[in-house]
Amino acid sequence: MSAGSADNVARSVWNAGELTEGNDVVATETPVAMVYNGISHVVMMATPADLQDFALGFSLSEGILTSPKQLLDCEELVTDNGIELALSITAEPFAALKERRRNLVGRTGCGLCGAESLAQAITTPNNISAQLTISHVALQQAVAALAGVQRLQQQTGAVHGAAWCNTAGEILLVREDVGRHNALDKLLGAISQQPSDEGFVLVTSRASYEMVAKTCQC
């Protein structure tokens, strides 16, 4: 479990007419701002762990960056109000981001925020040409193993998980967050920074269209 991703809190339990006191572990959720070249783009509530992965994965899955090489630096700045991720990006994606902001169009969180029309809200995912087939045995193995590698979920029972699995169903990477989109973005950011063989993404949430679109984008 990453430092700062969970808090110990006092707990009172009323059961069958008796009050007992104790402690519990809850997942941390804090405002996280994505700031590109000094311009604030979006603020999201997230678990403050693996934030470097989060910054890169969000930037890629939202189409702000098309390559990890376009991210020059990412600095975490802790403030009284939350955490600011100060991203330095190259000129081409920054110019595109400024144009996008002028049009007030952006896909964050639910996937629709900032869209001005239905045509803008429902976008076509990138075409995937790979013909990879995963066996049901590999899928079932990965599903069965996921809970065992979700350390924060074991502590709190309150977070989503996203995992990268190889074709045999072995879990190679896992990221967690109170938000399912955030957990996926963290995983996509982690995957993009290292060479990987063929595999598949496993998430604890439903496969809503924007989750699929995020994955296709990367």
Protein backbone atom coordinates (compact mmCIF):
# COMPACT_ATOMS: atom_id res chain seq x y z
CA MET A 1 0.00 0.00 0.00
CA SER A 2 1.47 3.36 -1.02
CA ALA A 3 2.10 6.01 1.60
CA GLY A 4 -0.79 8.43 1.85
CA SER A 5 -3.25 6.16 0.04
CA ALA A 6 -5.12 5.20 3.22
CA ASP A 7 -5.89 6.71 6.63
CA ASN A 8 -6.57 5.18 10.02
CA VAL A 9 -9.74 6.59 11.57
CA ALA A 10 -11.65 6.05 14.78
CA ARG A 11 -14.81 3.97 14.41
CA SER A 12 -17.91 3.54 16.54
CA VAL A 13 -20.12 0.49 15.96
CA TRP A 14 -23.67 0.14 17.30
CA ASN A 15 -24.81 -3.47 17.28
CA ALA A 16 -27.60 -5.18 19.22
CA GLY A 17 -27.84 -2.32 21.70
CA GLU A 18 -24.12 -2.15 22.37
CA LEU A 19 -21.65 0.54 21.32
CA THR A 20 -18.06 -0.48 20.67
CA GLU A 21 -15.11 1.71 19.73
CA GLY A 22 -12.29 0.79 17.40
CA ASN A 23 -10.26 1.77 14.36
CA ASP A 24 -10.72 1.34 10.63
CA VAL A 25 -8.68 1.95 7.48
CA VAL A 26 -10.28 4.09 4.76
CA ALA A 27 -9.05 4.91 1.28
CA THR A 28 -7.76 8.46 0.88
CA GLU A 29 -9.37 10.71 -1.72
CA THR A 30 -7.95 14.14 -2.49
CA PRO A 31 -8.26 16.78 -5.24
CA VAL A 32 -5.60 16.30 -7.92
CA ALA A 33 -5.06 19.03 -10.51
CA MET A 34 -3.50 18.38 -13.92
CA VAL A 35 -1.57 21.50 -14.92
CA TYR A 36 0.03 21.57 -18.38
CA ASN A 37 2.81 24.11 -18.96
CA GLY A 38 1.33 26.29 -16.24
CA ILE A 39 -2.30 26.05 -17.41
CA SER A 40 -4.72 24.14 -15.20
CA HIS A 41 -6.74 21.69 -17.28
CA VAL A 42 -8.81 19.59 -14.88
CA VAL A 43 -9.20 18.71 -11.19
CA MET A 44 -10.22 15.20 -10.17
CA MET A 45 -10.72 13.38 -6.91
CA ALA A 46 -8.19 10.58 -6.70
CA THR A 47 -6.22 8.36 -4.36
CA PRO A 48 -2.78 10.00 -3.96
CA ALA A 49 -0.68 7.02 -5.06
CA ASP A 50 1.15 6.33 -8.33
CA LEU A 51 0.46 9.90 -9.42
CA GLN A 52 3.26 9.95 -12.00
CA ASP A 53 1.56 7.02 -13.71
CA PHE A 54 -1.78 8.80 -13.35
CA ALA A 55 -0.52 11.98 -15.00
CA LEU A 56 0.94 10.15 -18.00
CA GLY A 57 -1.93 7.68 -18.38
CA PHE A 58 -4.58 10.41 -18.22
CA SER A 59 -2.67 12.51 -20.75
CA LEU A 60 -2.46 9.58 -23.17
CA SER A 61 -5.95 8.17 -22.69
CA GLU A 62 -7.54 11.61 -23.09
CA GLY A 63 -5.60 12.29 -26.28
CA ILE A 64 -3.64 15.21 -24.86
CA LEU A 65 -0.41 13.35 -25.62
CA THR A 66 0.15 10.77 -28.34
CA SER A 67 3.47 9.50 -26.99
CA PRO A 68 5.09 9.27 -23.53
CA LYS A 69 8.07 11.12 -25.03
CA GLN A 70 5.92 14.27 -25.25
CA LEU A 71 5.89 14.46 -21.45
CA LEU A 72 9.12 16.19 -20.49
CA ASP A 73 8.63 16.38 -16.73
CA CYS A 74 6.01 15.92 -14.03
CA GLU A 75 6.34 17.46 -10.59
CA GLU A 76 4.02 16.76 -7.65
CA LEU A 77 3.21 19.86 -5.63
CA VAL A 78 1.36 19.33 -2.35
CA THR A 79 -0.79 22.31 -1.35
CA ASP A 80 -3.30 22.99 1.42
CA ASN A 81 -6.12 22.28 -1.04
CA GLY A 82 -4.78 19.13 -2.68
CA ILE A 83 -2.07 17.98 -5.06
CA GLU A 84 -0.99 19.75 -8.23
CA LEU A 85 0.65 17.70 -10.98
CA ALA A 86 2.75 20.19 -12.92
CA LEU A 87 3.33 18.61 -16.33
CA SER A 88 5.78 20.02 -18.86
CA ILE A 89 4.85 18.90 -22.38
CA THR A 90 6.24 19.58 -25.83
CA ALA A 91 4.98 22.40 -28.04
CA GLU A 92 2.77 20.46 -30.48
CA PRO A 93 0.44 18.78 -27.97
CA PHE A 94 0.34 21.96 -25.87
CA ALA A 95 -0.87 23.98 -28.86
CA ALA A 96 -3.55 21.36 -29.53
CA LEU A 97 -4.58 21.43 -25.87
CA LYS A 98 -4.99 25.22 -25.92
CA GLU A 99 -7.18 24.94 -29.03
CA ARG A 100 -9.21 22.23 -27.35
CA ARG A 101 -9.71 24.44 -24.31
CA ARG A 102 -10.90 27.29 -26.52
CA ASN A 103 -13.55 24.93 -27.86
CA LEU A 104 -14.47 23.89 -24.31
CA VAL A 105 -14.39 20.21 -25.24
CA GLY A 106 -12.86 17.59 -22.99
CA ARG A 107 -13.50 14.03 -21.91
CA THR A 108 -12.86 13.53 -18.20
CA GLY A 109 -14.41 11.40 -15.50
CA CYS A 110 -17.76 10.31 -16.91
CA GLY A 111 -16.47 10.82 -20.44
CA LEU A 112 -18.97 13.55 -21.34
CA CYS A 113 -17.84 16.54 -19.29
CA GLY A 114 -17.25 19.63 -21.42
CA ALA A 115 -18.89 18.32 -24.58
CA GLU A 116 -21.24 20.77 -26.26
CA SER A 117 -23.13 18.34 -28.50
CA LEU A 118 -24.00 14.68 -28.89
CA ALA A 119 -21.56 14.40 -31.79
CA GLN A 120 -18.75 15.62 -29.55
CA ALA A 121 -19.83 13.48 -26.60
CA ILE A 122 -19.92 10.14 -28.41
CA THR A 123 -16.58 9.76 -30.13
CA THR A 124 -15.34 6.84 -32.22
CA PRO A 125 -12.59 4.82 -30.46
CA ASN A 126 -9.31 4.20 -32.22
CA ASN A 127 -9.33 1.19 -34.51
CA ILE A 128 -7.56 -1.83 -33.02
CA SER A 129 -6.06 -4.15 -35.64
CA ALA A 130 -4.63 -6.81 -33.31
CA GLN A 131 -6.17 -10.26 -33.58
CA LEU A 132 -5.18 -11.50 -30.12
CA THR A 133 -7.42 -14.17 -28.61
CA ILE A 134 -7.41 -14.86 -24.87
CA SER A 135 -8.53 -18.25 -23.59
CA HIS A 136 -11.29 -18.48 -21.00
CA VAL A 137 -8.82 -20.29 -18.74
CA ALA A 138 -6.45 -17.29 -18.78
CA LEU A 139 -9.32 -14.87 -18.14
CA GLN A 140 -10.63 -16.89 -15.22
CA GLN A 141 -7.15 -17.22 -13.75
CA ALA A 142 -6.61 -13.46 -13.87
CA VAL A 143 -10.03 -12.70 -12.37
CA ALA A 144 -9.39 -15.15 -9.53
CA ALA A 145 -5.96 -13.64 -8.80
CA LEU A 146 -6.89 -9.95 -8.92
CA ALA A 147 -8.22 -9.64 -5.36
CA GLY A 148 -5.02 -11.17 -4.02
CA VAL A 149 -2.83 -8.44 -5.52
CA GLN A 150 -5.04 -5.48 -4.60
CA ARG A 151 -3.26 -4.42 -1.44
CA LEU A 152 -5.24 -1.22 -0.88
CA GLN A 153 -8.54 -3.01 -1.48
CA GLN A 154 -7.58 -5.59 1.13
CA GLN A 155 -6.92 -2.77 3.61
CA THR A 156 -10.01 -0.68 2.90
CA GLY A 157 -12.54 -2.59 0.78
CA ALA A 158 -13.20 0.65 -1.08
CA VAL A 159 -11.11 0.93 -4.26
CA HIS A 160 -11.13 -0.23 -7.86
CA GLY A 161 -8.27 -2.13 -9.45
CA ALA A 162 -6.88 -2.25 -12.98
CA ALA A 163 -4.39 -4.93 -13.97
CA TRP A 164 -2.21 -5.76 -16.97
CA CYS A 165 -2.15 -9.49 -17.63
CA ASN A 166 -0.15 -11.61 -20.06
CA THR A 167 -1.79 -14.06 -22.42
CA ALA A 168 -1.49 -16.84 -19.83
CA GLY A 169 -3.58 -14.83 -17.37
CA GLU A 170 -0.70 -13.89 -15.06
CA ILE A 171 -1.03 -10.41 -13.52
CA LEU A 172 2.07 -8.34 -14.25
CA LEU A 173 1.00 -4.88 -13.07
CA VAL A 174 -1.82 -3.54 -10.91
CA ARG A 175 -2.91 -0.03 -9.96
CA GLU A 176 -5.68 1.04 -7.57
CA ASP A 177 -7.81 4.12 -6.96
CA VAL A 178 -11.18 5.12 -5.53
CA GLY A 179 -12.15 6.03 -9.10
CA ARG A 180 -12.30 3.35 -11.78
CA HIS A 181 -11.19 5.77 -14.51
CA ASN A 182 -8.24 6.81 -12.35
CA ALA A 183 -7.18 3.23 -11.68
CA LEU A 184 -7.22 2.55 -15.43
CA ASP A 185 -5.29 5.73 -16.22
CA LYS A 186 -2.64 4.81 -13.64
CA LEU A 187 -2.27 1.39 -15.23
CA LEU A 188 -2.08 2.79 -18.77
CA GLY A 189 0.58 5.23 -17.64
CA ALA A 190 2.62 2.44 -16.04
CA ILE A 191 2.32 0.19 -19.10
CA SER A 192 3.38 2.94 -21.49
CA GLN A 193 6.72 3.38 -19.75
CA GLN A 194 7.98 -0.16 -20.22
CA PRO A 195 8.14 -2.69 -23.04
CA SER A 196 5.40 -5.27 -22.79
CA ASP A 197 4.37 -8.40 -24.61
CA GLU A 198 0.83 -9.10 -25.75
CA GLY A 199 -1.78 -9.17 -23.02
CA PHE A 200 -5.03 -7.71 -21.78
CA VAL A 201 -6.40 -5.21 -19.27
CA LEU A 202 -8.59 -6.43 -16.42
CA VAL A 203 -10.62 -3.96 -14.35
CA THR A 204 -12.96 -4.36 -11.41
CA SER A 205 -15.55 -2.03 -12.89
CA ARG A 206 -17.99 -2.32 -15.77
CA ALA A 207 -16.58 -1.92 -19.28
CA SER A 208 -18.37 1.36 -20.03
CA TYR A 209 -17.71 3.00 -23.38
CA GLU A 210 -15.27 5.60 -22.06
CA MET A 211 -13.19 2.93 -20.31
CA VAL A 212 -12.92 1.07 -23.61
CA ALA A 213 -12.14 4.32 -25.46
CA LYS A 214 -9.38 5.19 -22.98
CA THR A 215 -7.75 1.82 -23.50
CA CYS A 216 -8.03 2.07 -27.30
CA GLN A 217 -6.44 5.51 -27.20
CA CYS A 218 -3.29 4.03 -25.65
